[in-house]
PDB file of N, CA and C in Angstrom:
ATOM      1  N   MET A   1      18.631 -12.124  10.481  1.00  0.00           N
ATOM      2  CA  MET A   1      17.423 -11.833  11.557  1.00  0.00           C
ATOM      3  C   MET A   1      16.178 -10.488  11.260  1.00  0.00           C
ATOM      4  N   LEU A   2      15.030 -11.061  11.309  1.00  0.00           N
ATOM      5  CA  LEU A   2      14.087  -9.884  10.791  1.00  0.00           C
ATOM      6  C   LEU A   2      13.636  -8.950  11.573  1.00  0.00           C
ATOM      7  N   LEU A   3      13.369  -7.972  12.113  1.00  0.00           N
ATOM      8  CA  LEU A   3      13.334  -7.483  13.356  1.00  0.00           C
ATOM      9  C   LEU A   3      12.364  -6.408  12.555  1.00  0.00           C
ATOM     10  N   SER A   4      10.930  -5.861  13.224  1.00  0.00           N
ATOM     11  CA  SER A   4       9.845  -5.285  13.061  1.00  0.00           C
ATOM     12  C   SER A   4      10.246  -3.963  13.751  1.00  0.00           C
ATOM     13  N   ASP A   5      10.031  -3.557  13.208  1.00  0.00           N
ATOM     14  CA  ASP A   5       9.998  -1.582  13.819  1.00  0.00           C
ATOM     15  C   ASP A   5       9.009  -0.772  13.246  1.00  0.00           C
ATOM     16  N   TYR A   6       8.365  -0.445  14.294  1.00  0.00           N
ATOM     17  CA  TYR A   6       7.239   0.331  14.318  1.00  0.00           C
ATOM     18  C   TYR A   6       7.334   1.701  14.325  1.00  0.00           C
ATOM     19  N   GLY A   7       8.466   2.389  14.486  1.00  0.00           N
ATOM     20  CA  GLY A   7       9.029   3.859  14.443  1.00  0.00           C
ATOM     21  C   GLY A   7       9.122   3.879  12.610  1.00  0.00           C
ATOM     22  N   GLN A   8       9.841   5.121  12.575  1.00  0.00           N
ATOM     23  CA  GLN A   8      10.370   5.678  11.168  1.00  0.00           C
ATOM     24  C   GLN A   8      11.353   5.185  10.565  1.00  0.00           C
ATOM     25  N   HIS A   9      12.040   4.342  11.183  1.00  0.00           N
ATOM     26  CA  HIS A   9      13.424   4.080  10.782  1.00  0.00           C
ATOM     27  C   HIS A   9      14.753   5.329  10.680  1.00  0.00           C
ATOM     28  N   ALA A  10      14.380   6.256  11.833  1.00  0.00           N
ATOM     29  CA  ALA A  10      14.980   7.138  12.371  1.00  0.00           C
ATOM     30  C   ALA A  10      16.218   6.244  13.432  1.00  0.00           C
ATOM     31  N   PRO A  11      17.299   7.013  13.528  1.00  0.00           N
ATOM     32  CA  PRO A  11      18.002   5.667  14.501  1.00  0.00           C
ATOM     33  C   PRO A  11      18.009   5.981  15.625  1.00  0.00           C
ATOM     34  N   THR A  12      16.993   6.754  16.125  1.00  0.00           N
ATOM     35  CA  THR A  12      16.432   6.685  17.880  1.00  0.00           C
ATOM     36  C   THR A  12      15.870   5.132  17.919  1.00  0.00           C
ATOM     37  N   HIS A  13      14.827   5.084  16.079  1.00  0.00           N
ATOM     38  CA  HIS A  13      13.873   3.951  16.699  1.00  0.00           C
ATOM     39  C   HIS A  13      14.696   2.358  16.465  1.00  0.00           C
ATOM     40  N   GLN A  14      15.822   2.216  16.140  1.00  0.00           N
ATOM     41  CA  GLN A  14      16.405   1.341  15.470  1.00  0.00           C
ATOM     42  C   GLN A  14      17.125   0.866  16.934  1.00  0.00           C
ATOM     43  N   SER A  15      16.890  -0.246  18.030  1.00  0.00           N
ATOM     44  CA  SER A  15      17.711  -0.232  19.166  1.00  0.00           C
ATOM     45  C   SER A  15      19.021  -0.493  18.617  1.00  0.00           C
ATOM     46  N   LYS A  16      20.006  -0.408  18.941  1.00  0.00           N
ATOM     47  CA  LYS A  16      21.266  -0.720  19.270  1.00  0.00           C
ATOM     48  C   LYS A  16      21.515  -1.735  20.178  1.00  0.00           C
ATOM     49  N   THR A  17      20.414  -1.627  21.326  1.00  0.00           N
ATOM     50  CA  THR A  17      21.038  -2.831  22.203  1.00  0.00           C
ATOM     51  C   THR A  17      20.413  -4.250  21.656  1.00  0.00           C
ATOM     52  N   ILE A  18      19.406  -4.178  20.890  1.00  0.00           N
ATOM     53  CA  ILE A  18      19.234  -5.274  20.155  1.00  0.00           C
ATOM     54  C   ILE A  18      20.578  -5.885  19.149  1.00  0.00           C
ATOM     55  N   GLU A  19      20.358  -4.747  18.084  1.00  0.00           N
ATOM     56  CA  GLU A  19      21.206  -5.128  16.803  1.00  0.00           C
ATOM     57  C   GLU A  19      22.749  -5.311  17.024  1.00  0.00           C
ATOM     58  N   LEU A  20      23.536  -4.890  18.320  1.00  0.00           N
ATOM     59  CA  LEU A  20      24.718  -4.715  18.356  1.00  0.00           C
ATOM     60  C   LEU A  20      24.925  -5.945  18.521  1.00  0.00           C
ATOM     61  N   PRO A  21      24.788  -7.067  19.460  1.00  0.00           N
ATOM     62  CA  PRO A  21      24.771  -8.530  20.162  1.00  0.00           C
ATOM     63  C   PRO A  21      24.605  -9.277  18.702  1.00  0.00           C
ATOM     64  N   LEU A  22      23.431  -8.762  17.861  1.00  0.00           N
ATOM     65  CA  LEU A  22      23.160  -9.729  17.206  1.00  0.00           C
ATOM     66  C   LEU A  22      24.406  -9.924  15.862  1.00  0.00           C
ATOM     67  N   THR A  23      24.883  -8.489  15.382  1.00  0.00           N
ATOM     68  CA  THR A  23      25.692  -8.245  14.526  1.00  0.00           C
ATOM     69  C   THR A  23      27.054  -9.123  15.306  1.00  0.00           C
ATOM     70  N   GLU A  24      27.340  -8.696  16.173  1.00  0.00           N
ATOM     71  CA  GLU A  24      28.547  -9.562  16.564  1.00  0.00           C
ATOM     72  C   GLU A  24      28.501 -10.951  16.523  1.00  0.00           C
ATOM     73  N   ARG A  25      27.665 -11.739  16.446  1.00  0.00           N
ATOM     74  CA  ARG A  25      27.312 -12.808  16.351  1.00  0.00           C
ATOM     75  C   ARG A  25      27.135 -13.353  14.437  1.00  0.00           C
ATOM     76  N   ASP A  26      27.759 -12.577  13.707  1.00  0.00           N
ATOM     77  CA  ASP A  26      27.160 -12.435  12.088  1.00  0.00           C
ATOM     78  C   ASP A  26      25.669 -12.309  11.504  1.00  0.00           C
ATOM     79  N   TYR A  27      24.688 -11.970  12.662  1.00  0.00           N
ATOM     80  CA  TYR A  27      23.583 -11.852  12.243  1.00  0.00           C
ATOM     81  C   TYR A  27      23.567 -10.799  11.475  1.00  0.00           C
ATOM     82  N   ASN A  28      22.338 -10.979  10.161  1.00  0.00           N
ATOM     83  CA  ASN A  28      22.037  -9.828   9.265  1.00  0.00           C
ATOM     84  C   ASN A  28      20.970  -9.157   9.700  1.00  0.00           C
ATOM     85  N   CYS A  29      20.965  -7.668  10.715  1.00  0.00           N
ATOM     86  CA  CYS A  29      19.654  -7.141  10.730  1.00  0.00           C
ATOM     87  C   CYS A  29      18.979  -6.878   9.599  1.00  0.00           C
ATOM     88  N   VAL A  30      17.786  -7.351   9.315  1.00  0.00           N
ATOM     89  CA  VAL A  30      16.932  -6.505   8.466  1.00  0.00           C
ATOM     90  C   VAL A  30      15.419  -5.782   8.987  1.00  0.00           C
ATOM     91  N   TYR A  31      15.149  -4.760   8.834  1.00  0.00           N
ATOM     92  CA  TYR A  31      13.815  -3.684   9.323  1.00  0.00           C
ATOM     93  C   TYR A  31      12.969  -4.434   8.341  1.00  0.00           C
ATOM     94  N   LEU A  32      11.623  -4.476   8.895  1.00  0.00           N
ATOM     95  CA  LEU A  32      10.420  -4.427   7.670  1.00  0.00           C
ATOM     96  C   LEU A  32       9.983  -2.964   7.815  1.00  0.00           C
ATOM     97  N   PRO A  33       9.981  -2.612   6.610  1.00  0.00           N
ATOM     98  CA  PRO A  33       9.408  -1.140   5.960  1.00  0.00           C
ATOM     99  C   PRO A  33       8.365  -0.569   7.356  1.00  0.00           C
ATOM    100  N   PRO A  34       8.036   0.476   7.239  1.00  0.00           N
ATOM    101  CA  PRO A  34       7.177   0.943   8.238  1.00  0.00           C
ATOM    102  C   PRO A  34       6.098   0.741   7.975  1.00  0.00           C
ATOM    103  N   TYR A  35       5.394   0.590   8.485  1.00  0.00           N
ATOM    104  CA  TYR A  35       3.711   0.626   7.936  1.00  0.00           C
ATOM    105  C   TYR A  35       3.616  -0.952   7.023  1.00  0.00           C
ATOM    106  N   SER A  36       3.859  -1.707   7.123  1.00  0.00           N
ATOM    107  CA  SER A  36       3.588  -2.797   6.646  1.00  0.00           C
ATOM    108  C   SER A  36       3.114  -4.057   6.887  1.00  0.00           C
ATOM    109  N   PRO A  37       1.695  -4.131   7.567  1.00  0.00           N
ATOM    110  CA  PRO A  37       1.289  -5.351   8.204  1.00  0.00           C
ATOM    111  C   PRO A  37       1.219  -6.894   7.651  1.00  0.00           C
ATOM    112  N   GLU A  38       1.196  -6.474   6.135  1.00  0.00           N
ATOM    113  CA  GLU A  38       0.919  -7.704   5.608  1.00  0.00           C
ATOM    114  C   GLU A  38       2.529  -8.533   5.622  1.00  0.00           C
ATOM    115  N   LEU A  39       3.651  -7.774   5.817  1.00  0.00           N
ATOM    116  CA  LEU A  39       5.063  -8.107   6.144  1.00  0.00           C
ATOM    117  C   LEU A  39       5.090  -9.100   7.784  1.00  0.00           C
ATOM    118  N   ASN A  40       4.697  -8.596   8.426  1.00  0.00           N
ATOM    119  CA  ASN A  40       4.472  -9.070  10.044  1.00  0.00           C
ATOM    120  C   ASN A  40       3.653 -10.100  10.444  1.00  0.00           C
ATOM    121  N   PRO A  41       3.875 -11.311  10.571  1.00  0.00           N
ATOM    122  CA  PRO A  41       3.260 -12.683  10.604  1.00  0.00           C
ATOM    123  C   PRO A  41       2.101 -12.328  11.797  1.00  0.00           C
ATOM    124  N   ILE A  42       2.694 -12.004  13.273  1.00  0.00           N
ATOM    125  CA  ILE A  42       1.896 -11.708  14.167  1.00  0.00           C
ATOM    126  C   ILE A  42       0.763 -10.731  13.710  1.00  0.00           C
ATOM    127  N   GLU A  43       0.533  -9.747  13.007  1.00  0.00           N
ATOM    128  CA  GLU A  43      -0.977  -9.268  12.539  1.00  0.00           C
ATOM    129  C   GLU A  43      -1.815  -9.870  11.722  1.00  0.00           C
ATOM    130  N   GLN A  44      -1.508 -11.030  11.531  1.00  0.00           N
ATOM    131  CA  GLN A  44      -2.342 -12.091  10.884  1.00  0.00           C
ATOM    132  C   GLN A  44      -3.238 -12.746  12.463  1.00  0.00           C
ATOM    133  N   PHE A  45      -2.364 -12.910  13.179  1.00  0.00           N
ATOM    134  CA  PHE A  45      -2.948 -13.594  14.544  1.00  0.00           C
ATOM    135  C   PHE A  45      -3.944 -12.876  15.383  1.00  0.00           C
ATOM    136  N   TRP A  46      -3.224 -11.094  15.182  1.00  0.00           N
ATOM    137  CA  TRP A  46      -4.342 -10.582  15.798  1.00  0.00           C
ATOM    138  C   TRP A  46      -5.624  -9.979  14.845  1.00  0.00           C
ATOM    139  N   SER A  47      -5.232 -10.122  13.759  1.00  0.00           N
ATOM    140  CA  SER A  47      -6.548  -9.826  13.000  1.00  0.00           C
ATOM    141  C   SER A  47      -7.697 -11.107  13.056  1.00  0.00           C
ATOM    142  N   LYS A  48      -7.184 -12.134  13.085  1.00  0.00           N
ATOM    143  CA  LYS A  48      -8.064 -13.610  13.552  1.00  0.00           C
ATOM    144  C   LYS A  48      -8.790 -13.297  15.079  1.00  0.00           C
ATOM    145  N   LEU A  49      -7.939 -13.126  16.162  1.00  0.00           N
ATOM    146  CA  LEU A  49      -8.406 -12.541  17.660  1.00  0.00           C
ATOM    147  C   LEU A  49      -9.480 -11.743  16.954  1.00  0.00           C
ATOM    148  N   LYS A  50      -9.247 -10.365  17.041  1.00  0.00           N
ATOM    149  CA  LYS A  50     -10.422  -9.509  16.852  1.00  0.00           C
ATOM    150  C   LYS A  50     -11.549  -9.883  16.337  1.00  0.00           C
ATOM    151  N   TYR A  51     -11.465 -10.546  14.939  1.00  0.00           N
ATOM    152  CA  TYR A  51     -12.789 -10.877  14.493  1.00  0.00           C
ATOM    153  C   TYR A  51     -13.523 -11.946  15.475  1.00  0.00           C
ATOM    154  N   THR A  52     -12.903 -12.692  16.101  1.00  0.00           N
ATOM    155  CA  THR A  52     -13.662 -13.818  16.689  1.00  0.00           C
ATOM    156  C   THR A  52     -14.074 -13.442  18.344  1.00  0.00           C
ATOM    157  N   ILE A  53     -13.293 -12.480  18.580  1.00  0.00           N
ATOM    158  CA  ILE A  53     -13.873 -11.724  19.816  1.00  0.00           C
ATOM    159  C   ILE A  53     -15.051 -10.981  19.669  1.00  0.00           C
ATOM    160  N   LYS A  54     -14.869 -10.111  18.393  1.00  0.00           N
ATOM    161  CA  LYS A  54     -16.348  -8.906  18.298  1.00  0.00           C
ATOM    162  C   LYS A  54     -17.309  -9.460  17.612  1.00  0.00           C
ATOM    163  N   ARG A  55     -16.967 -10.792  17.405  1.00  0.00           N
ATOM    164  CA  ARG A  55     -18.186 -11.353  16.194  1.00  0.00           C
ATOM    165  C   ARG A  55     -19.893 -11.366  16.874  1.00  0.00           C
ATOM    166  N   GLU A  56     -19.965 -11.048  18.354  1.00  0.00           N
ATOM    167  CA  GLU A  56     -21.014 -10.849  19.087  1.00  0.00           C
ATOM    168  C   GLU A  56     -21.235 -10.327  20.328  1.00  0.00           C
ATOM    169  N   GLU A  57     -21.932  -9.638  20.848  1.00  0.00           N
ATOM    170  CA  GLU A  57     -21.585  -8.761  21.962  1.00  0.00           C
ATOM    171  C   GLU A  57     -21.350  -9.890  22.970  1.00  0.00           C
ATOM    172  N   LEU A  58     -20.223  -8.970  23.801  1.00  0.00           N
ATOM    173  CA  LEU A  58     -19.833  -9.741  25.167  1.00  0.00           C
ATOM    174  C   LEU A  58     -20.469  -9.469  25.959  1.00  0.00           C
ATOM    175  N   LEU A  59     -20.738 -10.172  26.948  1.00  0.00           N
ATOM    176  CA  LEU A  59     -22.183  -9.917  28.280  1.00  0.00           C
ATOM    177  C   LEU A  59     -20.734 -10.201  29.345  1.00  0.00           C
ATOM    178  N   ASP A  60     -19.949 -10.552  29.678  1.00  0.00           N
ATOM    179  CA  ASP A  60     -19.213 -10.577  31.078  1.00  0.00           C
ATOM    180  C   ASP A  60     -17.886 -11.474  30.177  1.00  0.00           C
ATOM    181  N   LEU A  61     -16.786 -11.254  31.081  1.00  0.00           N
ATOM    182  CA  LEU A  61     -15.659 -11.789  31.002  1.00  0.00           C
ATOM    183  C   LEU A  61     -15.119 -13.087  31.123  1.00  0.00           C
ATOM    184  N   ASP A  62     -16.218 -14.406  31.150  1.00  0.00           N
ATOM    185  CA  ASP A  62     -16.177 -15.560  30.983  1.00  0.00           C
ATOM    186  C   ASP A  62     -16.742 -15.969  29.491  1.00  0.00           C
ATOM    187  N   THR A  63     -17.227 -15.042  29.094  1.00  0.00           N
ATOM    188  CA  THR A  63     -17.515 -14.531  27.553  1.00  0.00           C
ATOM    189  C   THR A  63     -16.239 -14.481  26.917  1.00  0.00           C
ATOM    190  N   LEU A  64     -15.521 -13.475  27.299  1.00  0.00           N
ATOM    191  CA  LEU A  64     -14.609 -12.643  26.831  1.00  0.00           C
ATOM    192  C   LEU A  64     -13.484 -13.763  26.597  1.00  0.00           C
ATOM    193  N   PHE A  65     -13.258 -14.223  27.684  1.00  0.00           N
ATOM    194  CA  PHE A  65     -11.791 -15.472  27.959  1.00  0.00           C
ATOM    195  C   PHE A  65     -12.306 -16.592  26.990  1.00  0.00           C
ATOM    196  N   SER A  66     -13.466 -16.739  26.833  1.00  0.00           N
ATOM    197  CA  SER A  66     -13.800 -17.860  26.087  1.00  0.00           C
ATOM    198  C   SER A  66     -13.347 -17.860  24.570  1.00  0.00           C
ATOM    199  N   ARG A  67     -13.589 -16.548  24.332  1.00  0.00           N
ATOM    200  CA  ARG A  67     -13.466 -16.237  23.174  1.00  0.00           C
ATOM    201  C   ARG A  67     -11.982 -16.384  22.730  1.00  0.00           C
ATOM    202  N   ILE A  68     -11.391 -15.211  23.473  1.00  0.00           N
ATOM    203  CA  ILE A  68      -9.970 -15.441  23.262  1.00  0.00           C
ATOM    204  C   ILE A  68      -9.167 -16.967  23.266  1.00  0.00           C
ATOM    205  N   SER A  69      -9.503 -17.904  24.298  1.00  0.00           N
ATOM    206  CA  SER A  69      -9.287 -18.634  24.280  1.00  0.00           C
ATOM    207  C   SER A  69      -9.465 -19.711  22.855  1.00  0.00           C
ATOM    208  N   GLU A  70     -10.870 -19.597  22.556  1.00  0.00           N
ATOM    209  CA  GLU A  70     -11.381 -20.013  20.719  1.00  0.00           C
ATOM    210  C   GLU A  70     -10.376 -19.910  19.701  1.00  0.00           C
ATOM    211  N   ALA A  71     -10.048 -18.548  19.603  1.00  0.00           N
ATOM    212  CA  ALA A  71      -9.448 -17.978  18.507  1.00  0.00           C
ATOM    213  C   ALA A  71      -8.215 -18.205  18.551  1.00  0.00           C
ATOM    214  N   CYS A  72      -7.555 -18.773  19.648  1.00  0.00           N
ATOM    215  CA  CYS A  72      -6.206 -18.874  19.800  1.00  0.00           C
ATOM    216  C   CYS A  72      -5.942 -20.118  19.427  1.00  0.00           C
ATOM    217  N   ASN A  73      -7.119 -20.925  19.617  1.00  0.00           N
ATOM    218  CA  ASN A  73      -6.810 -22.409  19.032  1.00  0.00           C
ATOM    219  C   ASN A  73      -7.007 -22.485  17.485  1.00  0.00           C
ATOM    220  N   MET A  74      -8.118 -21.250  17.067  1.00  0.00           N
ATOM    221  CA  MET A  74      -8.167 -21.270  15.561  1.00  0.00           C
ATOM    222  C   MET A  74      -7.224 -20.734  15.082  1.00  0.00           C
ATOM    223  N   VAL A  75      -5.541 -20.252  14.970  1.00  0.00           N
ATOM    224  CA  VAL A  75      -4.946 -19.634  14.318  1.00  0.00           C
ATOM    225  C   VAL A  75      -4.061 -20.843  14.162  1.00  0.00           C
ATOM    226  N   THR A  76      -3.498 -21.390  12.804  1.00  0.00           N
ATOM    227  CA  THR A  76      -2.730 -21.996  12.442  1.00  0.00           C
ATOM    228  C   THR A  76      -1.664 -21.616  11.468  1.00  0.00           C
ATOM    229  N   HIS A  77      -0.774 -22.701  11.333  1.00  0.00           N
ATOM    230  CA  HIS A  77       0.599 -21.859  10.645  1.00  0.00           C
ATOM    231  C   HIS A  77       0.207 -21.551   9.195  1.00  0.00           C
ATOM    232  N   LYS A  78      -0.690 -21.714   8.918  1.00  0.00           N
ATOM    233  CA  LYS A  78      -1.025 -21.271   7.139  1.00  0.00           C
ATOM    234  C   LYS A  78      -1.738 -19.906   7.501  1.00  0.00           C
ATOM    235  N   ASP A  79      -2.092 -19.407   8.510  1.00  0.00           N
ATOM    236  CA  ASP A  79      -2.860 -17.951   9.179  1.00  0.00           C
ATOM    237  C   ASP A  79      -1.337 -17.042   9.039  1.00  0.00           C
ATOM    238  N   SER A  80      -0.003 -17.457   8.961  1.00  0.00           N
ATOM    239  CA  SER A  80       0.838 -16.776   9.138  1.00  0.00           C
ATOM    240  C   SER A  80       1.826 -17.295   7.913  1.00  0.00           C
ATOM    241  N   PRO A  81       1.923 -16.667   6.892  1.00  0.00           N
ATOM    242  CA  PRO A  81       2.523 -17.197   5.813  1.00  0.00           C
ATOM    243  C   PRO A  81       4.318 -16.581   5.587  1.00  0.00           C
ATOM    244  N   PRO A  82       5.027 -17.436   5.146  1.00  0.00           N
ATOM    245  CA  PRO A  82       6.496 -17.266   5.445  1.00  0.00           C
ATOM    246  C   PRO A  82       6.533 -15.548   4.475  1.00  0.00           C
ATOM    247  N   THR A  83       7.781 -14.720   5.246  1.00  0.00           N
ATOM    248  CA  THR A  83       7.383 -13.280   5.058  1.00  0.00           C
ATOM    249  C   THR A  83       8.500 -13.527   3.762  1.00  0.00           C
ATOM    250  N   PRO A  84       8.167 -12.547   2.521  1.00  0.00           N
ATOM    251  CA  PRO A  84       8.890 -12.676   0.867  1.00  0.00           C
ATOM    252  C   PRO A  84      10.254 -12.045   1.622  1.00  0.00           C
ATOM    253  N   LEU A  85      11.083 -12.716   0.917  1.00  0.00           N
ATOM    254  CA  LEU A  85      12.262 -12.305   0.748  1.00  0.00           C
ATOM    255  C   LEU A  85      12.889 -12.143  -0.917  1.00  0.00           C
ATOM    256  N   PRO A  86      13.233 -11.002  -1.077  1.00  0.00           N
ATOM    257  CA  PRO A  86      13.671 -10.019  -0.373  1.00  0.00           C
ATOM    258  C   PRO A  86      12.522  -9.166   0.025  1.00  0.00           C
ATOM    259  N   LEU A  87      12.858  -8.446   0.604  1.00  0.00           N
ATOM    260  CA  LEU A  87      11.539  -7.566   1.450  1.00  0.00           C
ATOM    261  C   LEU A  87      11.389  -6.410  -0.003  1.00  0.00           C
ATOM    262  N   PRO A  88      10.102  -6.142  -0.046  1.00  0.00           N
ATOM    263  CA  PRO A  88       9.800  -5.252  -1.184  1.00  0.00           C
ATOM    264  C   PRO A  88      10.586  -3.433  -0.645  1.00  0.00           C
ATOM    265  N   VAL A  89      10.817  -2.669  -1.381  1.00  0.00           N
ATOM    266  CA  VAL A  89      11.250  -1.754  -1.332  1.00  0.00           C
ATOM    267  C   VAL A  89       9.900  -0.678  -1.489  1.00  0.00           C
ATOM    268  N   ARG A  90       9.757   0.065  -0.290  1.00  0.00           N
ATOM    269  CA  ARG A  90       8.789   1.449  -0.366  1.00  0.00           C
ATOM    270  C   ARG A  90       9.296   2.529  -0.653  1.00  0.00           C
TER     271      ARG A  90
END
Protein backbone atom coordinates (compact mmCIF):
# COMPACT_ATOMS: atom_id res chain seq x y z
CA MET A 1 0.00 0.00 0.00
CA LEU A 2 1.55 3.29 -1.11
CA LEU A 3 0.70 6.21 1.14
CA SER A 4 1.38 9.87 0.57
CA ASP A 5 2.81 11.71 3.53
CA TYR A 6 3.09 15.49 3.30
CA GLY A 7 4.96 15.78 6.58
CA GLN A 8 8.61 15.22 7.32
CA HIS A 9 8.18 11.53 8.18
CA ALA A 10 8.30 12.23 11.88
CA PRO A 11 6.27 9.65 13.84
CA THR A 12 3.57 12.26 14.44
CA HIS A 13 3.06 12.58 10.68
CA GLN A 14 2.54 8.88 10.00
CA SER A 15 -0.95 8.00 11.14
CA LYS A 16 -1.17 4.75 13.08
CA THR A 17 -4.94 4.98 12.61
CA ILE A 18 -4.39 4.09 8.96
CA GLU A 19 -1.21 2.04 9.17
CA LEU A 20 -2.21 -0.41 11.92
CA PRO A 21 -5.37 -1.83 10.25
CA LEU A 22 -3.46 -2.20 6.97
CA THR A 23 -0.51 -4.03 8.49
CA GLU A 24 -2.90 -6.30 10.40
CA ARG A 25 -4.20 -7.38 6.99
CA ASP A 26 -0.66 -8.08 5.73
CA TYR A 27 -0.32 -4.88 3.69
CA ASN A 28 3.11 -3.30 3.61
CA CYS A 29 2.86 0.48 4.01
CA VAL A 30 5.37 2.44 1.96
CA TYR A 31 5.50 6.19 2.38
CA LEU A 32 6.38 8.55 -0.43
CA PRO A 33 9.49 10.64 0.18
CA PRO A 34 8.67 14.18 1.30
CA TYR A 35 8.38 16.81 -1.42
CA SER A 36 8.05 14.31 -4.27
CA PRO A 37 5.19 15.54 -6.47
CA GLU A 38 6.51 13.49 -9.40
CA LEU A 39 5.70 10.33 -7.44
CA ASN A 40 2.18 11.38 -6.51
CA PRO A 41 -0.20 10.83 -9.47
CA ILE A 42 -2.80 13.32 -8.20
CA GLU A 43 -0.27 16.11 -8.75
CA GLN A 44 -0.56 15.57 -12.53
CA PHE A 45 -4.31 16.09 -12.25
CA TRP A 46 -3.94 19.31 -10.24
CA SER A 47 -1.33 20.63 -12.66
CA LYS A 48 -3.59 20.13 -15.67
CA LEU A 49 -6.60 21.51 -13.80
CA LYS A 50 -4.79 24.70 -12.76
CA TYR A 51 -3.37 25.24 -16.24
CA THR A 52 -6.80 24.91 -17.88
CA ILE A 53 -8.52 27.18 -15.36
CA LYS A 54 -5.90 29.94 -15.47
CA ARG A 55 -5.41 30.09 -19.25
CA GLU A 56 -7.76 33.10 -19.60
CA GLU A 57 -9.36 35.61 -17.26
CA LEU A 58 -12.35 34.34 -15.30
CA LEU A 59 -15.25 36.78 -15.38
CA ASP A 60 -17.94 34.80 -13.56
CA LEU A 61 -18.67 31.59 -11.66
CA ASP A 62 -20.23 29.91 -14.69
CA THR A 63 -16.95 30.24 -16.55
CA LEU A 64 -15.06 28.84 -13.57
CA PHE A 65 -17.36 25.82 -13.31
CA SER A 66 -17.16 25.27 -17.05
CA ARG A 67 -13.35 25.31 -16.97
CA ILE A 68 -13.20 22.92 -14.02
CA SER A 69 -15.47 20.50 -15.88
CA GLU A 70 -13.42 20.88 -19.06
CA ALA A 71 -10.16 20.26 -17.20
CA CYS A 72 -11.52 17.15 -15.47
CA ASN A 73 -12.61 15.75 -18.84
CA MET A 74 -9.14 16.36 -20.30
CA VAL A 75 -7.34 14.18 -17.74
CA THR A 76 -6.70 10.63 -18.91
CA HIS A 77 -4.94 7.61 -17.46
CA LYS A 78 -1.85 8.67 -19.43
CA ASP A 79 -1.61 11.77 -17.25
CA SER A 80 -0.78 9.71 -14.21
CA PRO A 81 1.97 7.27 -15.04
CA PRO A 82 2.49 4.31 -12.71
CA THR A 83 4.60 4.97 -9.65
CA PRO A 84 8.12 3.61 -10.11
CA LEU A 85 8.99 0.88 -7.66
CA PRO A 86 11.23 0.69 -5.81
CA LEU A 87 10.89 4.30 -4.78
CA PRO A 88 14.01 6.44 -5.21
CA VAL A 89 15.91 7.19 -2.03
CA ARG A 90 16.40 10.86 -1.21
